[in-house]
């Protein structure tokens, strides 16, 4: 049985944020879900300029977890852009 997921300190994002290529109906697009913790790790490291240790402290997780979140989040964003998919950032519900 896997370990229970540790709570993460993420900003509140009301509702989902959707980004899609122009000119293609949403019904024809594949959806890629970017979890809020992946988005928050990207924001802290890439936008705010924190290193992974500082981001881990802000999120309440280890540096290794931040690294994993960054890798998966970046991969999803690049995949959405290259393959013309809809990117959905899941908000707090």
Protein backbone atom coordinates (compact mmCIF):
# COMPACT_ATOMS: atom_id res chain seq x y z
CA UNK A 1 0.00 0.00 0.00
CA UNK A 2 1.49 3.39 -0.97
CA UNK A 3 2.11 6.09 1.58
CA UNK A 4 -0.52 8.74 2.10
CA UNK A 5 0.11 11.91 0.10
CA UNK A 6 1.63 14.71 2.18
CA UNK A 7 -0.30 17.99 2.32
CA UNK A 8 1.22 20.77 0.26
CA UNK A 9 1.07 24.50 0.94
CA UNK A 10 -0.29 25.85 -2.36
CA UNK A 11 -1.93 29.13 -3.22
CA UNK A 12 -5.68 29.16 -3.60
CA UNK A 13 -6.73 29.06 -7.24
CA UNK A 14 -10.47 29.48 -7.58
CA UNK A 15 -11.69 27.14 -10.28
CA UNK A 16 -9.73 25.57 -13.10
CA UNK A 17 -7.64 27.50 -15.63
CA UNK A 18 -7.84 26.26 -19.22
CA UNK A 19 -5.42 27.07 -22.03
CA UNK A 20 -5.95 25.82 -25.56
CA UNK A 21 -4.64 26.50 -29.04
CA UNK A 22 -6.73 28.96 -31.02
CA UNK A 23 -8.82 27.78 -33.93
CA UNK A 24 -9.40 24.24 -32.66
CA UNK A 25 -12.67 23.39 -30.91
CA UNK A 26 -12.27 22.10 -27.35
CA UNK A 27 -14.18 18.95 -28.24
CA UNK A 28 -11.37 17.94 -30.63
CA UNK A 29 -8.52 18.47 -28.14
CA UNK A 30 -6.87 16.04 -25.78
CA UNK A 31 -6.76 17.36 -22.22
CA UNK A 32 -3.63 17.49 -20.10
CA UNK A 33 -4.15 18.08 -16.38
CA UNK A 34 -1.51 20.12 -14.53
CA UNK A 35 -2.04 19.57 -10.81
CA UNK A 36 -1.93 22.58 -8.51
CA UNK A 37 1.18 21.35 -6.70
CA UNK A 38 3.03 21.04 -10.04
CA UNK A 39 1.94 24.55 -10.99
CA UNK A 40 2.99 25.93 -7.59
CA UNK A 41 6.45 24.31 -7.85
CA UNK A 42 6.87 25.84 -11.32
CA UNK A 43 5.78 29.24 -10.05
CA UNK A 44 8.12 29.18 -7.07
CA UNK A 45 11.20 27.99 -8.99
CA UNK A 46 10.76 29.39 -12.50
CA UNK A 47 8.79 32.58 -11.85
CA UNK A 48 9.83 33.60 -8.33
CA UNK A 49 13.40 32.32 -8.77
CA UNK A 50 13.60 30.18 -5.64
CA UNK A 51 15.89 27.18 -5.60
CA UNK A 52 14.45 23.72 -5.02
CA UNK A 53 15.31 23.70 -1.32
CA UNK A 54 13.53 27.03 -0.73
CA UNK A 55 10.55 25.90 -2.83
CA UNK A 56 10.37 22.67 -0.84
CA UNK A 57 10.24 24.64 2.41
CA UNK A 58 7.49 26.87 1.01
CA UNK A 59 5.45 23.87 -0.17
CA UNK A 60 6.17 21.80 2.92
CA UNK A 61 7.78 18.93 0.97
CA UNK A 62 11.29 17.65 0.32
CA UNK A 63 13.64 18.97 -2.37
CA UNK A 64 13.29 15.64 -4.19
CA UNK A 65 9.52 16.06 -4.34
CA UNK A 66 9.94 19.57 -5.77
CA UNK A 67 12.30 18.19 -8.41
CA UNK A 68 9.75 15.52 -9.37
CA UNK A 69 6.94 18.10 -9.52
CA UNK A 70 9.06 20.37 -11.75
CA UNK A 71 9.92 17.55 -14.14
CA UNK A 72 6.35 16.34 -14.51
CA UNK A 73 4.92 19.88 -14.75
CA UNK A 74 7.40 21.00 -17.41
CA UNK A 75 6.81 17.84 -19.41
CA UNK A 76 3.05 18.40 -19.38
CA UNK A 77 3.38 22.03 -20.50
CA UNK A 78 5.73 21.16 -23.36
CA UNK A 79 3.49 18.26 -24.40
CA UNK A 80 0.45 20.55 -24.45
CA UNK A 81 2.24 23.10 -26.64
CA UNK A 82 3.90 20.67 -29.05
CA UNK A 83 0.90 18.38 -29.53
CA UNK A 84 -1.74 21.17 -29.55
CA UNK A 85 -3.53 19.89 -26.45
CA UNK A 86 -5.66 21.73 -23.93
CA UNK A 87 -3.80 22.44 -20.68
CA UNK A 88 -5.96 22.51 -17.56
CA UNK A 89 -4.59 23.73 -14.24
CA UNK A 90 -6.69 22.15 -11.53
CA UNK A 91 -7.73 24.66 -8.87
CA UNK A 92 -8.83 24.20 -5.28
CA UNK A 93 -12.20 22.52 -5.02
